[in-house]
């Protein structure tokens, strides 16, 4: 049986300090605003992030089905197709169109999105793919997320429990 020190050594050998620092950037609000000026995409809405994440995997036409587009994201290429969704190209196109519409602020961003269908129609699989995809995407440079905290006089930082976007600190009329 391993002792606590050997378990910690095993865990620390698997950690990458550079990727940790990249994924856990800390800086001032001024520095964040510089990042926003360099890459305004940082301020995307959740719907824009979901749509961009799906599109980052690419698309291809469905063979024998004129006008149908298949989104590679739903093939689950990261897990070698373990959770790939097949036979639902049209409903998946409609779902991605809802995300696109919401990303473009056409009004669907104010609606609740409900997946419904019979048992075994991939509702949970679609949700799982989206959740895992967003987790991976948020670790990339294109999908980076930022939040804020308040630095106390004693040096401790109180992080926003809602992980809100730092631009929320700026009044809406000034954004």
N, C-alpha and C. Protein backbone atom coordinates (compact mmCIF):
# COMPACT_ATOMS: atom_id res chain seq x y z
N UNK A 1 0.84 -1.18 0.00
CA UNK A 1 0.00 0.00 0.00
C UNK A 1 0.89 1.25 0.00
N UNK A 2 0.52 2.22 -0.82
CA UNK A 2 1.33 3.43 -0.95
C UNK A 2 1.05 4.39 0.21
N UNK A 3 2.10 5.12 0.59
CA UNK A 3 1.88 6.14 1.62
C UNK A 3 1.51 7.46 0.96
N UNK A 4 1.12 8.43 1.77
CA UNK A 4 0.64 9.72 1.27
C UNK A 4 1.67 10.45 0.42
N UNK A 5 2.94 10.38 0.81
CA UNK A 5 4.00 11.09 0.09
C UNK A 5 4.16 10.51 -1.32
N UNK A 6 4.13 9.20 -1.48
CA UNK A 6 4.30 8.61 -2.81
C UNK A 6 3.10 8.92 -3.71
N UNK A 7 1.93 9.00 -3.13
CA UNK A 7 0.74 9.37 -3.91
C UNK A 7 0.87 10.81 -4.39
N UNK A 8 1.29 11.71 -3.50
CA UNK A 8 1.49 13.11 -3.90
C UNK A 8 2.58 13.25 -4.96
N UNK A 9 3.66 12.48 -4.82
CA UNK A 9 4.73 12.52 -5.83
C UNK A 9 4.22 12.04 -7.18
N UNK A 10 3.40 11.02 -7.16
CA UNK A 10 2.82 10.49 -8.40
C UNK A 10 1.93 11.55 -9.07
N UNK A 11 1.12 12.23 -8.28
CA UNK A 11 0.24 13.27 -8.81
C UNK A 11 1.06 14.44 -9.34
N UNK A 12 2.05 14.90 -8.58
CA UNK A 12 2.83 16.07 -9.00
C UNK A 12 3.65 15.77 -10.26
N UNK A 13 4.04 14.52 -10.47
CA UNK A 13 4.79 14.19 -11.69
C UNK A 13 3.92 14.31 -12.94
N UNK A 14 2.61 14.27 -12.77
CA UNK A 14 1.69 14.36 -13.90
C UNK A 14 1.23 15.79 -14.17
N UNK A 15 1.58 16.72 -13.30
CA UNK A 15 1.16 18.11 -13.46
C UNK A 15 2.11 18.87 -14.38
N UNK A 16 1.55 19.80 -15.13
CA UNK A 16 2.34 20.64 -16.02
C UNK A 16 2.20 22.08 -15.54
N UNK A 17 3.27 22.64 -15.00
CA UNK A 17 3.21 23.98 -14.41
C UNK A 17 2.86 25.04 -15.45
N UNK A 18 3.39 24.91 -16.67
CA UNK A 18 3.11 25.90 -17.71
C UNK A 18 1.64 25.94 -18.08
N UNK A 19 1.04 24.76 -18.26
CA UNK A 19 -0.39 24.75 -18.63
C UNK A 19 -1.24 25.23 -17.45
N UNK A 20 -0.82 24.92 -16.22
CA UNK A 20 -1.56 25.41 -15.06
C UNK A 20 -1.56 26.94 -15.04
N UNK A 21 -0.39 27.54 -15.27
CA UNK A 21 -0.30 29.00 -15.25
C UNK A 21 -1.11 29.62 -16.39
N UNK A 22 -1.13 28.96 -17.54
CA UNK A 22 -1.92 29.46 -18.67
C UNK A 22 -3.41 29.39 -18.36
N UNK A 23 -3.84 28.30 -17.73
CA UNK A 23 -5.26 28.11 -17.43
C UNK A 23 -5.71 28.91 -16.22
N UNK A 24 -4.80 29.37 -15.41
CA UNK A 24 -5.15 30.09 -14.18
C UNK A 24 -4.49 31.46 -14.14
N UNK A 25 -4.61 32.18 -15.23
CA UNK A 25 -4.00 33.51 -15.33
C UNK A 25 -4.58 34.43 -14.26
N UNK A 26 -3.71 35.23 -13.65
CA UNK A 26 -4.16 36.26 -12.72
C UNK A 26 -3.49 37.57 -13.10
N UNK A 27 -4.26 38.62 -13.08
CA UNK A 27 -3.74 39.93 -13.41
C UNK A 27 -4.70 41.01 -12.95
N UNK A 28 -4.32 42.23 -13.21
CA UNK A 28 -5.15 43.36 -12.82
C UNK A 28 -6.27 43.57 -13.84
N UNK A 29 -7.23 44.40 -13.48
CA UNK A 29 -8.32 44.72 -14.40
C UNK A 29 -7.77 45.42 -15.64
N UNK A 30 -6.75 46.27 -15.46
CA UNK A 30 -6.09 46.93 -16.59
C UNK A 30 -5.53 45.90 -17.57
N UNK A 31 -4.87 44.89 -17.02
CA UNK A 31 -4.28 43.84 -17.87
C UNK A 31 -5.37 43.06 -18.60
N UNK A 32 -6.49 42.82 -17.91
CA UNK A 32 -7.61 42.14 -18.56
C UNK A 32 -8.14 42.98 -19.72
N UNK A 33 -8.27 44.29 -19.50
CA UNK A 33 -8.75 45.17 -20.57
C UNK A 33 -7.80 45.17 -21.76
N UNK A 34 -6.50 45.04 -21.50
CA UNK A 34 -5.53 44.92 -22.60
C UNK A 34 -5.79 43.64 -23.39
N UNK A 35 -6.09 42.55 -22.68
CA UNK A 35 -6.41 41.29 -23.36
C UNK A 35 -7.65 41.46 -24.22
N UNK A 36 -8.67 42.14 -23.69
CA UNK A 36 -9.91 42.38 -24.44
C UNK A 36 -9.63 43.21 -25.68
N UNK A 37 -8.79 44.23 -25.55
CA UNK A 37 -8.46 45.06 -26.72
C UNK A 37 -7.74 44.25 -27.78
N UNK A 38 -6.85 43.34 -27.37
CA UNK A 38 -6.11 42.51 -28.31
C UNK A 38 -7.00 41.45 -28.94
N UNK A 39 -7.94 40.91 -28.16
CA UNK A 39 -8.80 39.84 -28.64
C UNK A 39 -10.22 40.03 -28.10
N UNK A 40 -11.04 40.83 -28.79
CA UNK A 40 -12.40 41.09 -28.31
C UNK A 40 -13.26 39.83 -28.17
N UNK A 41 -12.84 38.73 -28.80
CA UNK A 41 -13.60 37.48 -28.69
C UNK A 41 -13.67 36.97 -27.26
N UNK A 42 -12.78 37.45 -26.41
CA UNK A 42 -12.76 37.05 -25.00
C UNK A 42 -14.10 37.37 -24.34
N UNK A 43 -14.81 38.37 -24.84
CA UNK A 43 -16.05 38.82 -24.19
C UNK A 43 -17.31 38.16 -24.76
N UNK A 44 -17.16 37.06 -25.45
CA UNK A 44 -18.32 36.39 -26.05
C UNK A 44 -19.33 35.92 -25.00
N UNK A 45 -20.57 35.79 -25.44
CA UNK A 45 -21.62 35.24 -24.57
C UNK A 45 -21.47 33.72 -24.51
N UNK A 46 -22.20 33.10 -23.60
CA UNK A 46 -22.16 31.64 -23.48
C UNK A 46 -22.62 30.98 -24.79
N UNK A 47 -23.65 31.53 -25.41
CA UNK A 47 -24.13 30.95 -26.68
C UNK A 47 -23.08 31.09 -27.78
N UNK A 48 -22.38 32.21 -27.80
CA UNK A 48 -21.32 32.39 -28.80
C UNK A 48 -20.20 31.38 -28.57
N UNK A 49 -19.88 31.13 -27.31
CA UNK A 49 -18.84 30.15 -26.99
C UNK A 49 -19.26 28.74 -27.40
N UNK A 50 -20.49 28.37 -27.11
CA UNK A 50 -20.98 27.04 -27.49
C UNK A 50 -20.94 26.88 -29.00
N UNK A 51 -21.45 27.86 -29.72
CA UNK A 51 -21.46 27.78 -31.18
C UNK A 51 -20.03 27.72 -31.73
N UNK A 52 -19.15 28.58 -31.24
CA UNK A 52 -17.76 28.58 -31.71
C UNK A 52 -17.07 27.26 -31.40
N UNK A 53 -17.36 26.69 -30.22
CA UNK A 53 -16.77 25.41 -29.84
C UNK A 53 -17.21 24.32 -30.81
N UNK A 54 -18.49 24.26 -31.12
CA UNK A 54 -18.99 23.24 -32.07
C UNK A 54 -18.35 23.44 -33.43
N UNK A 55 -18.32 24.68 -33.90
CA UNK A 55 -17.78 24.97 -35.23
C UNK A 55 -16.27 24.76 -35.31
N UNK A 56 -15.58 24.82 -34.18
CA UNK A 56 -14.12 24.64 -34.20
C UNK A 56 -13.73 23.23 -34.66
N UNK A 57 -14.65 22.28 -34.57
CA UNK A 57 -14.38 20.92 -35.02
C UNK A 57 -14.63 20.74 -36.51
N UNK A 58 -15.35 21.67 -37.10
CA UNK A 58 -15.62 21.61 -38.54
C UNK A 58 -16.93 20.90 -38.87
N UNK A 59 -17.26 20.92 -40.17
CA UNK A 59 -18.50 20.30 -40.66
C UNK A 59 -18.20 19.53 -41.94
N UNK A 60 -19.17 18.71 -42.34
CA UNK A 60 -19.09 18.04 -43.63
C UNK A 60 -20.51 17.70 -44.07
N UNK A 61 -20.73 17.58 -45.38
CA UNK A 61 -22.08 17.27 -45.86
C UNK A 61 -22.43 15.81 -45.58
N UNK A 62 -23.71 15.55 -45.33
CA UNK A 62 -24.18 14.19 -45.10
C UNK A 62 -24.38 13.53 -46.47
N UNK A 63 -23.75 12.38 -46.65
CA UNK A 63 -23.86 11.67 -47.93
C UNK A 63 -25.30 11.27 -48.20
N UNK A 64 -25.75 11.56 -49.42
CA UNK A 64 -27.09 11.16 -49.84
C UNK A 64 -28.21 12.01 -49.28
N UNK A 65 -27.89 13.02 -48.52
CA UNK A 65 -28.92 13.89 -47.93
C UNK A 65 -28.60 15.33 -48.32
N UNK A 66 -29.23 15.78 -49.37
CA UNK A 66 -28.96 17.12 -49.88
C UNK A 66 -29.34 18.18 -48.84
N UNK A 67 -28.40 19.07 -48.60
CA UNK A 67 -28.65 20.18 -47.69
C UNK A 67 -28.40 19.89 -46.22
N UNK A 68 -28.11 18.63 -45.86
CA UNK A 68 -27.84 18.32 -44.46
C UNK A 68 -26.34 18.45 -44.18
N UNK A 69 -26.04 19.07 -43.07
CA UNK A 69 -24.66 19.27 -42.64
C UNK A 69 -24.44 18.46 -41.37
N UNK A 70 -23.30 17.82 -41.30
CA UNK A 70 -22.92 17.06 -40.12
C UNK A 70 -21.83 17.84 -39.38
N UNK A 71 -21.97 17.96 -38.08
CA UNK A 71 -20.99 18.66 -37.26
C UNK A 71 -20.05 17.64 -36.63
N UNK A 72 -18.76 17.76 -36.94
CA UNK A 72 -17.76 16.79 -36.45
C UNK A 72 -17.77 16.69 -34.92
N UNK A 73 -18.11 17.77 -34.26
CA UNK A 73 -18.15 17.76 -32.80
C UNK A 73 -19.02 16.61 -32.29
N UNK A 74 -20.15 16.36 -32.94
CA UNK A 74 -21.08 15.33 -32.48
C UNK A 74 -20.65 13.92 -32.88
N UNK A 75 -19.53 13.80 -33.60
CA UNK A 75 -18.92 12.49 -33.86
C UNK A 75 -18.06 12.05 -32.68
N UNK A 76 -17.87 12.95 -31.71
CA UNK A 76 -17.02 12.73 -30.53
C UNK A 76 -15.61 12.29 -30.93
N UNK A 77 -14.93 13.11 -31.73
CA UNK A 77 -13.59 12.72 -32.18
C UNK A 77 -12.56 12.63 -31.05
N UNK A 78 -12.79 13.32 -29.96
CA UNK A 78 -11.84 13.31 -28.85
C UNK A 78 -11.79 11.94 -28.19
N UNK A 79 -12.93 11.26 -28.13
CA UNK A 79 -13.02 9.94 -27.49
C UNK A 79 -13.18 8.83 -28.53
N UNK A 80 -12.64 9.06 -29.72
CA UNK A 80 -12.70 8.06 -30.80
C UNK A 80 -14.13 7.60 -31.09
N UNK A 81 -15.08 8.51 -30.99
CA UNK A 81 -16.46 8.21 -31.36
C UNK A 81 -17.26 7.46 -30.32
N UNK A 82 -16.72 7.32 -29.10
CA UNK A 82 -17.42 6.58 -28.04
C UNK A 82 -18.84 7.10 -27.82
N UNK A 83 -19.00 8.42 -27.79
CA UNK A 83 -20.32 9.02 -27.59
C UNK A 83 -20.83 9.69 -28.86
N UNK A 84 -20.35 9.25 -30.01
CA UNK A 84 -20.79 9.85 -31.27
C UNK A 84 -22.30 9.69 -31.46
N UNK A 85 -22.91 10.68 -32.06
CA UNK A 85 -24.36 10.67 -32.29
C UNK A 85 -24.60 10.55 -33.78
N UNK A 86 -25.33 9.52 -34.17
CA UNK A 86 -25.57 9.26 -35.58
C UNK A 86 -27.06 9.12 -35.84
N UNK A 87 -27.48 9.49 -37.04
CA UNK A 87 -28.88 9.37 -37.42
C UNK A 87 -29.73 10.55 -36.98
N UNK A 88 -29.11 11.55 -36.40
CA UNK A 88 -29.85 12.72 -35.93
C UNK A 88 -29.32 14.00 -36.56
N UNK A 89 -28.88 13.91 -37.80
CA UNK A 89 -28.26 15.08 -38.44
C UNK A 89 -29.20 16.28 -38.49
N UNK A 90 -30.46 16.05 -38.85
CA UNK A 90 -31.40 17.17 -38.96
C UNK A 90 -31.67 17.81 -37.59
N UNK A 91 -32.01 17.02 -36.55
CA UNK A 91 -32.20 17.64 -35.23
C UNK A 91 -30.94 18.34 -34.70
N UNK A 92 -29.76 17.78 -34.99
CA UNK A 92 -28.53 18.43 -34.55
C UNK A 92 -28.30 19.73 -35.31
N UNK A 93 -28.65 19.75 -36.59
CA UNK A 93 -28.57 21.00 -37.36
C UNK A 93 -29.48 22.05 -36.74
N UNK A 94 -30.69 21.64 -36.37
CA UNK A 94 -31.64 22.57 -35.75
C UNK A 94 -31.11 23.08 -34.41
N UNK A 95 -30.51 22.18 -33.64
CA UNK A 95 -29.93 22.58 -32.35
C UNK A 95 -28.80 23.59 -32.55
N UNK A 96 -27.91 23.31 -33.47
CA UNK A 96 -26.80 24.23 -33.73
C UNK A 96 -27.33 25.55 -34.26
N UNK A 97 -28.40 25.51 -35.05
CA UNK A 97 -29.00 26.76 -35.54
C UNK A 97 -29.58 27.58 -34.39
N UNK A 98 -30.10 26.93 -33.36
CA UNK A 98 -30.58 27.65 -32.17
C UNK A 98 -29.40 28.34 -31.49
N UNK A 99 -28.28 27.61 -31.35
CA UNK A 99 -27.08 28.22 -30.75
C UNK A 99 -26.58 29.38 -31.60
N UNK A 100 -26.60 29.21 -32.93
CA UNK A 100 -26.14 30.28 -33.82
C UNK A 100 -27.05 31.50 -33.70
N UNK A 101 -28.35 31.27 -33.69
CA UNK A 101 -29.31 32.36 -33.56
C UNK A 101 -29.11 33.11 -32.24
N UNK A 102 -28.91 32.35 -31.17
CA UNK A 102 -28.67 32.98 -29.87
C UNK A 102 -27.33 33.71 -29.85
N UNK A 103 -26.32 33.14 -30.50
CA UNK A 103 -25.01 33.79 -30.57
C UNK A 103 -25.09 35.12 -31.30
N UNK A 104 -25.96 35.18 -32.30
CA UNK A 104 -26.14 36.42 -33.07
C UNK A 104 -27.17 37.35 -32.44
N UNK A 105 -27.70 36.94 -31.29
CA UNK A 105 -28.68 37.73 -30.52
C UNK A 105 -29.95 38.03 -31.31
N UNK A 106 -30.47 36.97 -31.95
CA UNK A 106 -31.72 37.10 -32.70
C UNK A 106 -32.95 36.89 -31.83
N UNK A 107 -32.77 36.66 -30.54
CA UNK A 107 -33.90 36.50 -29.64
C UNK A 107 -33.96 35.16 -28.95
N UNK A 108 -33.40 34.13 -29.57
CA UNK A 108 -33.50 32.80 -28.96
C UNK A 108 -32.62 32.67 -27.71
N UNK A 109 -31.72 33.63 -27.47
CA UNK A 109 -30.89 33.59 -26.27
C UNK A 109 -31.72 33.84 -25.01
N UNK A 110 -32.93 34.33 -25.16
CA UNK A 110 -33.79 34.62 -24.01
C UNK A 110 -34.75 33.46 -23.71
N UNK A 111 -34.61 32.39 -24.44
CA UNK A 111 -35.51 31.25 -24.26
C UNK A 111 -34.79 30.11 -23.54
N UNK A 112 -35.58 29.27 -22.91
CA UNK A 112 -35.05 28.07 -22.29
C UNK A 112 -34.96 27.01 -23.38
N UNK A 113 -33.84 26.32 -23.42
CA UNK A 113 -33.64 25.27 -24.41
C UNK A 113 -33.95 23.93 -23.75
N UNK A 114 -34.93 23.23 -24.28
CA UNK A 114 -35.35 21.96 -23.72
C UNK A 114 -35.17 20.87 -24.75
N UNK A 115 -34.39 19.85 -24.40
CA UNK A 115 -34.24 18.69 -25.28
C UNK A 115 -35.31 17.68 -24.88
N UNK A 116 -36.13 17.28 -25.83
CA UNK A 116 -37.15 16.29 -25.53
C UNK A 116 -37.17 15.24 -26.62
N UNK A 117 -37.60 14.07 -26.23
CA UNK A 117 -37.66 12.96 -27.18
C UNK A 117 -37.80 11.66 -26.42
N UNK A 118 -37.98 10.58 -27.15
CA UNK A 118 -38.16 9.29 -26.49
C UNK A 118 -36.88 8.81 -25.81
N UNK A 119 -37.03 7.80 -24.99
CA UNK A 119 -35.89 7.17 -24.34
C UNK A 119 -34.91 6.72 -25.41
N UNK A 120 -33.63 6.97 -25.19
CA UNK A 120 -32.61 6.53 -26.13
C UNK A 120 -32.40 7.44 -27.32
N UNK A 121 -32.92 8.66 -27.26
CA UNK A 121 -32.78 9.57 -28.41
C UNK A 121 -31.59 10.53 -28.25
N UNK A 122 -30.66 10.19 -27.39
CA UNK A 122 -29.38 10.90 -27.23
C UNK A 122 -29.46 12.24 -26.52
N UNK A 123 -30.51 12.50 -25.78
CA UNK A 123 -30.60 13.78 -25.05
C UNK A 123 -29.45 13.92 -24.06
N UNK A 124 -29.24 12.91 -23.25
CA UNK A 124 -28.15 12.96 -22.26
C UNK A 124 -26.79 12.96 -22.93
N UNK A 125 -26.66 12.23 -24.01
CA UNK A 125 -25.38 12.18 -24.73
C UNK A 125 -25.05 13.54 -25.32
N UNK A 126 -26.03 14.21 -25.90
CA UNK A 126 -25.81 15.55 -26.45
C UNK A 126 -25.37 16.49 -25.33
N UNK A 127 -26.05 16.43 -24.20
CA UNK A 127 -25.71 17.28 -23.06
C UNK A 127 -24.31 16.98 -22.56
N UNK A 128 -23.98 15.69 -22.45
CA UNK A 128 -22.65 15.30 -21.98
C UNK A 128 -21.56 15.79 -22.95
N UNK A 129 -21.80 15.63 -24.25
CA UNK A 129 -20.83 16.11 -25.24
C UNK A 129 -20.62 17.62 -25.13
N UNK A 130 -21.72 18.37 -24.99
CA UNK A 130 -21.61 19.83 -24.86
C UNK A 130 -20.84 20.22 -23.60
N UNK A 131 -21.15 19.56 -22.50
CA UNK A 131 -20.48 19.87 -21.24
C UNK A 131 -18.99 19.56 -21.33
N UNK A 132 -18.64 18.37 -21.78
CA UNK A 132 -17.23 17.99 -21.89
C UNK A 132 -16.50 18.84 -22.93
N UNK A 133 -17.20 19.15 -24.01
CA UNK A 133 -16.60 19.99 -25.05
C UNK A 133 -16.28 21.38 -24.53
N UNK A 134 -17.19 21.95 -23.77
CA UNK A 134 -16.95 23.29 -23.21
C UNK A 134 -15.83 23.27 -22.17
N UNK A 135 -15.74 22.19 -21.41
CA UNK A 135 -14.64 22.07 -20.45
C UNK A 135 -13.30 22.07 -21.18
N UNK A 136 -13.21 21.29 -22.26
CA UNK A 136 -11.97 21.26 -23.04
C UNK A 136 -11.72 22.60 -23.72
N UNK A 137 -12.77 23.16 -24.32
CA UNK A 137 -12.64 24.41 -25.07
C UNK A 137 -12.19 25.55 -24.16
N UNK A 138 -12.66 25.56 -22.92
CA UNK A 138 -12.28 26.64 -22.00
C UNK A 138 -10.80 26.57 -21.61
N UNK A 139 -10.17 25.44 -21.85
CA UNK A 139 -8.74 25.30 -21.56
C UNK A 139 -7.86 25.70 -22.73
N UNK A 140 -8.48 26.04 -23.86
CA UNK A 140 -7.71 26.46 -25.03
C UNK A 140 -7.62 27.98 -25.06
N UNK A 141 -6.70 28.47 -25.86
CA UNK A 141 -6.55 29.92 -25.99
C UNK A 141 -7.82 30.54 -26.58
N UNK A 142 -8.44 29.86 -27.56
CA UNK A 142 -9.66 30.39 -28.18
C UNK A 142 -10.85 30.41 -27.23
N UNK A 143 -10.89 29.49 -26.29
CA UNK A 143 -12.05 29.39 -25.41
C UNK A 143 -11.81 29.89 -24.00
N UNK A 144 -10.72 30.59 -23.79
CA UNK A 144 -10.36 31.04 -22.44
C UNK A 144 -11.49 31.84 -21.79
N UNK A 145 -11.72 31.56 -20.51
CA UNK A 145 -12.72 32.27 -19.71
C UNK A 145 -11.99 33.06 -18.63
N UNK A 146 -12.55 34.19 -18.29
CA UNK A 146 -11.96 35.04 -17.25
C UNK A 146 -13.03 35.35 -16.22
N UNK A 147 -12.61 35.48 -14.98
CA UNK A 147 -13.50 35.87 -13.90
C UNK A 147 -12.75 36.93 -13.08
N UNK A 148 -13.32 37.31 -11.97
CA UNK A 148 -12.67 38.35 -11.16
C UNK A 148 -12.81 38.04 -9.68
N UNK A 149 -11.98 38.72 -8.92
CA UNK A 149 -12.02 38.62 -7.47
C UNK A 149 -11.62 39.96 -6.88
N UNK A 150 -11.93 40.13 -5.62
CA UNK A 150 -11.59 41.36 -4.91
C UNK A 150 -10.43 41.07 -3.98
N UNK A 151 -9.37 41.87 -4.10
CA UNK A 151 -8.20 41.69 -3.25
C UNK A 151 -8.41 42.47 -1.96
N UNK A 152 -8.37 41.76 -0.86
CA UNK A 152 -8.55 42.37 0.46
C UNK A 152 -7.24 43.03 0.91
N UNK A 153 -7.33 43.86 1.93
CA UNK A 153 -6.14 44.56 2.44
C UNK A 153 -5.09 43.59 2.95
N UNK A 154 -5.52 42.44 3.47
CA UNK A 154 -4.55 41.46 3.97
C UNK A 154 -3.97 40.58 2.86
N UNK A 155 -4.38 40.84 1.61
CA UNK A 155 -3.82 40.10 0.47
C UNK A 155 -4.66 38.93 0.00
N UNK A 156 -5.65 38.53 0.79
CA UNK A 156 -6.50 37.42 0.34
C UNK A 156 -7.41 37.90 -0.79
N UNK A 157 -7.79 36.96 -1.62
CA UNK A 157 -8.65 37.29 -2.76
C UNK A 157 -10.00 36.60 -2.57
N UNK A 158 -11.06 37.39 -2.67
CA UNK A 158 -12.42 36.85 -2.61
C UNK A 158 -12.91 36.73 -4.05
N UNK A 159 -12.99 35.49 -4.55
CA UNK A 159 -13.39 35.26 -5.93
C UNK A 159 -14.89 35.37 -6.09
N UNK A 160 -15.32 35.85 -7.23
CA UNK A 160 -16.74 35.95 -7.53
C UNK A 160 -17.33 34.54 -7.55
N UNK A 161 -18.29 34.23 -6.68
CA UNK A 161 -18.85 32.87 -6.64
C UNK A 161 -19.60 32.49 -7.91
N UNK A 162 -20.01 33.48 -8.71
CA UNK A 162 -20.72 33.20 -9.96
C UNK A 162 -19.77 33.14 -11.16
N UNK A 163 -18.47 33.35 -10.92
CA UNK A 163 -17.48 33.37 -12.00
C UNK A 163 -17.90 34.30 -13.12
N UNK A 164 -18.39 35.48 -12.75
CA UNK A 164 -18.86 36.45 -13.73
C UNK A 164 -17.74 37.02 -14.58
N UNK A 165 -18.11 37.51 -15.74
CA UNK A 165 -17.15 38.14 -16.64
C UNK A 165 -16.69 39.46 -16.03
N UNK A 166 -15.39 39.75 -16.05
CA UNK A 166 -14.89 41.00 -15.47
C UNK A 166 -15.53 42.25 -16.04
N UNK A 167 -15.99 42.22 -17.28
CA UNK A 167 -16.63 43.41 -17.85
C UNK A 167 -17.94 43.74 -17.15
N UNK A 168 -18.48 42.80 -16.37
CA UNK A 168 -19.68 43.10 -15.60
C UNK A 168 -19.41 44.15 -14.53
N UNK A 169 -18.15 44.40 -14.24
CA UNK A 169 -17.80 45.44 -13.28
C UNK A 169 -18.00 46.83 -13.85
N UNK A 170 -18.05 46.91 -15.18
CA UNK A 170 -18.26 48.19 -15.86
C UNK A 170 -19.76 48.37 -16.07
N UNK A 171 -20.32 49.53 -15.71
CA UNK A 171 -21.76 49.75 -15.93
C UNK A 171 -22.14 49.49 -17.40
N UNK A 172 -23.31 48.92 -17.61
CA UNK A 172 -23.77 48.52 -18.94
C UNK A 172 -23.69 49.66 -19.95
N UNK A 173 -24.05 50.86 -19.54
CA UNK A 173 -24.05 51.99 -20.48
C UNK A 173 -22.63 52.39 -20.92
N UNK A 174 -21.61 51.95 -20.18
CA UNK A 174 -20.22 52.30 -20.51
C UNK A 174 -19.46 51.19 -21.22
N UNK A 175 -20.10 50.05 -21.44
CA UNK A 175 -19.38 48.92 -22.06
C UNK A 175 -19.20 49.11 -23.53
